[in-house]
Amino acid sequence: MRQPLAYIHPNAKIANNVVIEPFTSIDNNVEIGDGSWIGSNVTIMEGARIGKNCNIFPGSVIAAIPQDLKFKGEETTAEIGNNTTIRECVTINRGTSDRLKTRIGDNCLIMAYSHIAHDCFIGNHCVFSNNSTLAGHITTGDHVILAGLVAVHQFCTIGDYSFVAGGSLVRKDVPPYVKAAREPLSYVGINSVGLRRRGFTSEKITEIQNIYRILYQKKYNNTQASEIIEAEMIASPERDEILQFVKNSKRGIMKGYFQKN
C-alpha cells in the first residue's frame, strides 16, 4: 500500500506488499523487501537496501551521504537486514570507499535517535538503545546490546554477546561475552544474564568466566594472559574466539578494573 502523499522515485525497487505511509520520500537506487513498513516522514536516500519485514519509524533518514570530508561521491550503500526495526529519528549513513557499505544485520532493534555512521558493520540480533552513537568504521558482533547514550569511537570493534552500560564512552575494543562499564570503560564481568537468555549452559558460562579471570583479574599483560589461556584452558569455540579477538585488536582491548588505562 502506497499513500498518494508519499514520493517514490519511479526507479526504486519496492516489493508489492510494502506499506509506505504519507509524507515519506524514497529516492532512486533504493530496494525494499517484502512485508516492510515505512512510517510517515521517513527519508530513504540513494543506495538504501532494506530487507524483508523491516519496520522504519517516522523521522528516520536512511542512506544519507557520509559525514566524512574524504567522501567524493562514490557509489556506496546502506544495507539493513531482514526483520530489523528502526525507531524514530534514527540516522544511518551509507559507506565510503573504505568498505563501500554500511551494513546492519537481521533481527536488530535500533532505538530512537541513534546514529550509525559510514562503513559500520553491525551483526545480527543487536539492540542499540536510545541515542546510541556509532562513529565510522565500527564493527559489532551478533547479540550486542548498547544501553542508552553509548558513544563508540571510530574503528572500534565490539565482540559477540557483549553488553555496554548506559552513558559509556567506548574508546577501545570490547571483547566478546563481557559487560563493559565505568569511566574509562572497563571490564566489569561477563554478560552472564545475556548468555543465559541465549541458551548458554552454566558450564559454558563458567568456562568463559575462567578465561576472563586470567585475562583481566590476574594482572598479566595481554600476551602473557593469552599464552596461559591457550596452554591451560581446553580448546573450545568460545576460548578461540576470545584469543583471536585479543590478537586481532587494532585499537587494543579495554582494560580491567585492576589495570590502569
Protein backbone atom coordinates (compact mmCIF):
# COMPACT_ATOMS: atom_id res chain seq x y z
CA MET A 1 0.00 0.00 0.00
CA ARG A 2 1.48 3.28 -1.10
CA GLN A 3 -0.07 6.52 0.07
CA PRO A 4 -0.54 9.13 -2.67
CA LEU A 5 1.16 11.72 -0.43
CA ALA A 6 4.42 9.72 -0.40
CA TYR A 7 7.11 10.38 -3.03
CA ILE A 8 8.57 7.23 -4.60
CA HIS A 9 11.13 7.52 -7.37
CA PRO A 10 9.97 5.53 -10.41
CA ASN A 11 13.22 3.52 -10.45
CA ALA A 12 13.02 2.44 -6.81
CA LYS A 13 12.51 -1.31 -6.41
CA ILE A 14 9.70 -1.76 -3.91
CA ALA A 15 8.10 -5.15 -3.23
CA ASN A 16 4.36 -5.29 -3.83
CA ASN A 17 3.31 -5.72 -0.19
CA VAL A 18 5.38 -2.91 1.32
CA VAL A 19 3.39 -0.29 3.25
CA ILE A 20 4.57 3.29 2.74
CA GLU A 21 2.89 5.96 4.85
CA PRO A 22 2.25 9.62 3.83
CA PHE A 23 5.00 12.25 3.52
CA THR A 24 7.76 9.70 3.09
CA SER A 25 10.39 10.19 0.37
CA ILE A 26 12.07 7.26 -1.38
CA ASP A 27 14.86 8.11 -3.81
CA ASN A 28 16.37 6.44 -6.86
CA ASN A 29 18.53 3.31 -6.42
CA VAL A 30 16.58 2.05 -3.39
CA GLU A 31 15.40 -1.50 -2.73
CA ILE A 32 12.83 -2.51 -0.09
CA GLY A 33 11.89 -6.13 0.57
CA ASP A 34 8.57 -7.91 1.14
CA GLY A 35 6.46 -7.12 4.17
CA SER A 36 8.31 -3.99 5.28
CA TRP A 37 6.54 -0.98 6.79
CA ILE A 38 7.85 2.53 6.19
CA GLY A 39 6.27 5.10 8.51
CA SER A 40 5.41 8.69 7.70
CA ASN A 41 8.09 11.35 7.26
CA VAL A 42 10.86 8.84 6.59
CA THR A 43 13.60 9.78 4.13
CA ILE A 44 15.23 6.89 2.24
CA MET A 45 18.03 8.10 0.02
CA GLU A 46 20.06 6.63 -2.83
CA GLY A 47 21.89 3.43 -2.00
CA ALA A 48 19.46 2.07 0.61
CA ARG A 49 18.93 -1.69 0.65
CA ILE A 50 16.21 -2.66 3.11
CA GLY A 51 15.35 -6.29 3.72
CA LYS A 52 12.12 -8.15 4.35
CA ASN A 53 9.70 -7.45 7.21
CA CYS A 54 11.53 -4.34 8.42
CA ASN A 55 9.81 -1.50 10.30
CA ILE A 56 11.13 2.03 9.91
CA PHE A 57 9.51 4.65 12.14
CA PRO A 58 8.84 8.35 11.46
CA GLY A 59 11.70 10.79 11.19
CA SER A 60 14.38 8.27 10.24
CA VAL A 61 16.89 9.03 7.49
CA ILE A 62 18.43 6.01 5.75
CA ALA A 63 21.45 6.12 3.39
CA ALA A 64 22.34 9.81 3.60
CA ILE A 65 25.85 10.51 2.33
CA PRO A 66 28.62 10.03 4.91
CA GLN A 67 29.60 12.82 7.27
CA ASP A 68 33.17 12.39 6.07
CA LEU A 69 35.13 15.10 4.26
CA LYS A 70 37.03 12.42 2.34
CA PHE A 71 33.83 11.22 0.66
CA LYS A 72 33.95 12.02 -3.07
CA GLY A 73 30.52 10.83 -4.16
CA GLU A 74 31.46 7.21 -4.81
CA GLU A 75 28.58 4.75 -5.25
CA THR A 76 28.02 3.05 -1.90
CA THR A 77 25.14 1.52 0.04
CA ALA A 78 23.44 1.34 3.41
CA GLU A 79 22.10 -2.19 3.89
CA ILE A 80 19.56 -3.28 6.50
CA GLY A 81 18.85 -6.98 7.02
CA ASN A 82 15.54 -8.78 7.44
CA ASN A 83 13.21 -8.33 10.43
CA THR A 84 15.02 -5.26 11.69
CA THR A 85 13.25 -2.34 13.38
CA ILE A 86 14.50 1.23 13.08
CA ARG A 87 12.77 3.54 15.56
CA GLU A 88 12.07 7.27 15.42
CA CYS A 89 14.68 9.71 14.08
CA VAL A 90 17.46 7.16 13.57
CA THR A 91 20.13 8.16 11.04
CA ILE A 92 22.10 5.57 9.09
CA ASN A 93 24.71 6.83 6.62
CA ARG A 94 25.94 4.89 3.63
CA GLY A 95 29.52 3.75 3.18
CA THR A 96 32.66 5.30 1.73
CA SER A 97 35.42 3.89 -0.42
CA ASP A 98 36.80 2.08 2.66
CA ARG A 99 34.10 -0.61 2.92
CA LEU A 100 31.66 0.61 0.25
CA LYS A 101 28.73 -0.06 2.53
CA THR A 102 27.20 0.37 5.95
CA ARG A 103 25.56 -2.90 6.99
CA ILE A 104 23.07 -3.78 9.71
CA GLY A 105 22.19 -7.44 10.22
CA ASP A 106 18.96 -9.33 10.69
CA ASN A 107 16.60 -9.09 13.68
CA CYS A 108 18.11 -5.90 15.09
CA LEU A 109 16.40 -3.17 17.09
CA ILE A 110 17.85 0.32 16.67
CA MET A 111 16.05 2.63 19.10
CA ALA A 112 15.13 6.29 18.74
CA TYR A 113 17.69 8.97 17.88
CA SER A 114 20.54 6.52 17.38
CA HIS A 115 23.18 7.28 14.74
CA ILE A 116 25.13 4.71 12.74
CA ALA A 117 27.86 6.32 10.67
CA HIS A 118 29.52 5.28 7.42
CA ASP A 119 31.18 1.90 6.99
CA CYS A 120 29.80 0.36 10.20
CA PHE A 121 29.18 -3.38 10.11
CA ILE A 122 26.56 -4.42 12.68
CA GLY A 123 25.83 -8.08 13.41
CA ASN A 124 22.52 -9.92 13.86
CA HIS A 125 20.18 -9.69 16.86
CA CYS A 126 21.73 -6.45 18.12
CA VAL A 127 19.89 -3.94 20.32
CA PHE A 128 21.05 -0.33 20.38
CA SER A 129 19.13 1.72 22.95
CA ASN A 130 18.10 5.35 22.57
CA ASN A 131 20.78 7.83 21.47
CA SER A 132 23.43 5.22 20.78
CA THR A 133 26.05 6.90 18.59
CA LEU A 134 28.45 4.95 16.41
CA ALA A 135 31.22 6.76 14.56
CA GLY A 136 32.58 5.43 11.28
CA HIS A 137 34.20 2.06 10.56
CA ILE A 138 32.85 0.29 13.67
CA THR A 139 32.26 -3.46 13.72
CA THR A 140 29.99 -5.25 16.17
CA GLY A 141 29.34 -8.95 16.51
CA ASP A 142 25.99 -10.66 17.00
CA HIS A 143 23.74 -10.19 20.04
CA VAL A 144 25.45 -6.96 21.10
CA ILE A 145 23.49 -4.67 23.43
CA LEU A 146 24.31 -0.98 23.81
CA ALA A 147 22.38 0.75 26.57
CA GLY A 148 21.24 4.36 26.17
CA LEU A 149 23.64 7.19 25.35
CA VAL A 150 26.59 4.94 24.46
CA ALA A 151 29.12 6.61 22.16
CA VAL A 152 31.59 4.45 20.22
CA HIS A 153 34.88 5.80 18.80
CA GLN A 154 35.63 5.18 15.13
CA PHE A 155 37.35 1.92 14.17
CA CYS A 156 36.36 0.15 17.40
CA THR A 157 35.21 -3.47 17.45
CA ILE A 158 32.63 -4.87 19.88
CA GLY A 159 32.51 -8.65 20.26
CA ASP A 160 29.59 -11.10 20.22
CA TYR A 161 27.17 -11.19 23.17
CA SER A 162 28.70 -8.17 24.87
CA PHE A 163 26.81 -5.53 26.86
CA VAL A 164 27.87 -1.89 27.19
CA ALA A 165 26.33 0.07 30.07
CA GLY A 166 24.42 3.29 29.52
CA GLY A 167 26.36 6.51 29.09
CA SER A 168 29.61 4.72 28.30
CA LEU A 169 32.33 6.12 26.05
CA VAL A 170 33.86 3.27 24.05
CA ARG A 171 37.41 4.14 23.00
CA LYS A 172 38.89 0.63 22.93
CA ASP A 173 37.72 -2.72 21.59
CA VAL A 174 35.22 -4.63 23.76
CA PRO A 175 35.83 -8.41 23.74
CA PRO A 176 33.00 -10.95 23.32
CA TYR A 177 30.75 -12.14 26.16
CA VAL A 178 31.58 -9.29 28.57
CA LYS A 179 29.94 -6.40 30.38
CA ALA A 180 31.62 -3.02 29.94
CA ALA A 181 31.03 -0.01 32.18
CA ARG A 182 32.73 2.74 34.23
CA GLU A 183 34.87 5.65 33.04
CA PRO A 184 37.28 4.95 31.49
CA LEU A 185 35.48 1.94 30.08
CA SER A 186 36.48 -1.26 31.86
CA TYR A 187 35.67 -4.93 32.15
CA VAL A 188 33.12 -5.46 34.94
CA GLY A 189 32.32 -9.14 34.44
CA ILE A 190 30.87 -11.37 31.79
CA ASN A 191 27.39 -10.87 30.38
CA SER A 192 26.01 -13.87 32.28
CA VAL A 193 22.37 -12.75 32.12
CA GLY A 194 22.53 -12.27 28.37
CA LEU A 195 24.33 -15.57 27.89
CA ARG A 196 21.70 -17.49 29.88
CA ARG A 197 18.95 -15.88 27.86
CA ARG A 198 20.69 -17.07 24.70
CA GLY A 199 20.91 -20.66 25.90
CA PHE A 200 24.47 -20.86 27.21
CA THR A 201 24.86 -23.60 29.83
CA SER A 202 26.18 -22.96 33.33
CA GLU A 203 29.30 -24.93 32.42
CA LYS A 204 29.95 -22.78 29.37
CA ILE A 205 29.41 -19.58 31.35
CA THR A 206 31.88 -20.80 33.98
CA GLU A 207 34.41 -21.56 31.25
CA ILE A 208 34.11 -18.03 29.88
CA GLN A 209 34.41 -16.57 33.38
CA ASN A 210 37.62 -18.53 33.97
CA ILE A 211 39.12 -17.26 30.73
CA TYR A 212 38.40 -13.65 31.65
CA ARG A 213 39.73 -14.10 35.19
CA ILE A 214 43.10 -14.88 33.62
CA LEU A 215 42.86 -12.04 31.11
CA TYR A 216 41.54 -9.34 33.43
CA GLN A 217 41.97 -10.27 37.08
CA LYS A 218 45.44 -11.81 37.39
CA LYS A 219 47.45 -8.70 36.48
CA TYR A 220 49.05 -10.33 33.44
CA ASN A 221 49.59 -8.35 30.27
CA ASN A 222 47.56 -9.46 27.26
CA THR A 223 50.36 -11.54 25.75
CA GLN A 224 51.02 -13.39 28.99
CA ALA A 225 47.33 -13.95 29.63
CA SER A 226 46.75 -15.27 26.11
CA GLU A 227 49.60 -17.74 26.42
CA ILE A 228 48.28 -19.03 29.74
CA ILE A 229 44.71 -19.31 28.42
CA GLU A 230 45.90 -21.25 25.38
CA ALA A 231 48.07 -23.57 27.48
CA GLU A 232 45.72 -24.20 30.40
CA MET A 233 42.16 -23.89 29.06
CA ILE A 234 40.62 -26.67 26.98
CA ALA A 235 40.13 -25.60 23.36
CA SER A 236 36.57 -24.52 22.53
CA PRO A 237 34.93 -22.14 20.05
CA GLU A 238 34.48 -19.55 22.81
CA ARG A 239 38.08 -19.78 24.01
CA ASP A 240 39.41 -19.49 20.49
CA GLU A 241 37.11 -16.57 19.67
CA ILE A 242 38.36 -14.63 22.70
CA LEU A 243 42.01 -15.35 21.89
CA GLN A 244 41.55 -14.31 18.26
CA PHE A 245 39.75 -11.13 19.29
CA VAL A 246 42.61 -10.10 21.59
CA LYS A 247 45.23 -11.00 18.98
CA ASN A 248 43.48 -9.13 16.15
CA SER A 249 42.53 -6.00 18.10
CA LYS A 250 43.92 -2.92 16.35
CA ARG A 251 42.88 -0.32 18.90
CA GLY A 252 43.68 -2.53 21.88
CA ILE A 253 41.09 -4.06 24.19
CA MET A 254 39.55 -2.19 27.10
CA LYS A 255 41.31 -2.64 30.43
CA GLY A 256 40.19 -4.49 33.50
CA TYR A 257 39.32 -2.80 36.76
CA PHE A 258 42.70 -3.73 38.23
CA GLN A 259 44.51 -2.22 35.26
CA LYS A 260 45.39 1.38 34.57
CA ASN A 261 44.02 2.77 31.30
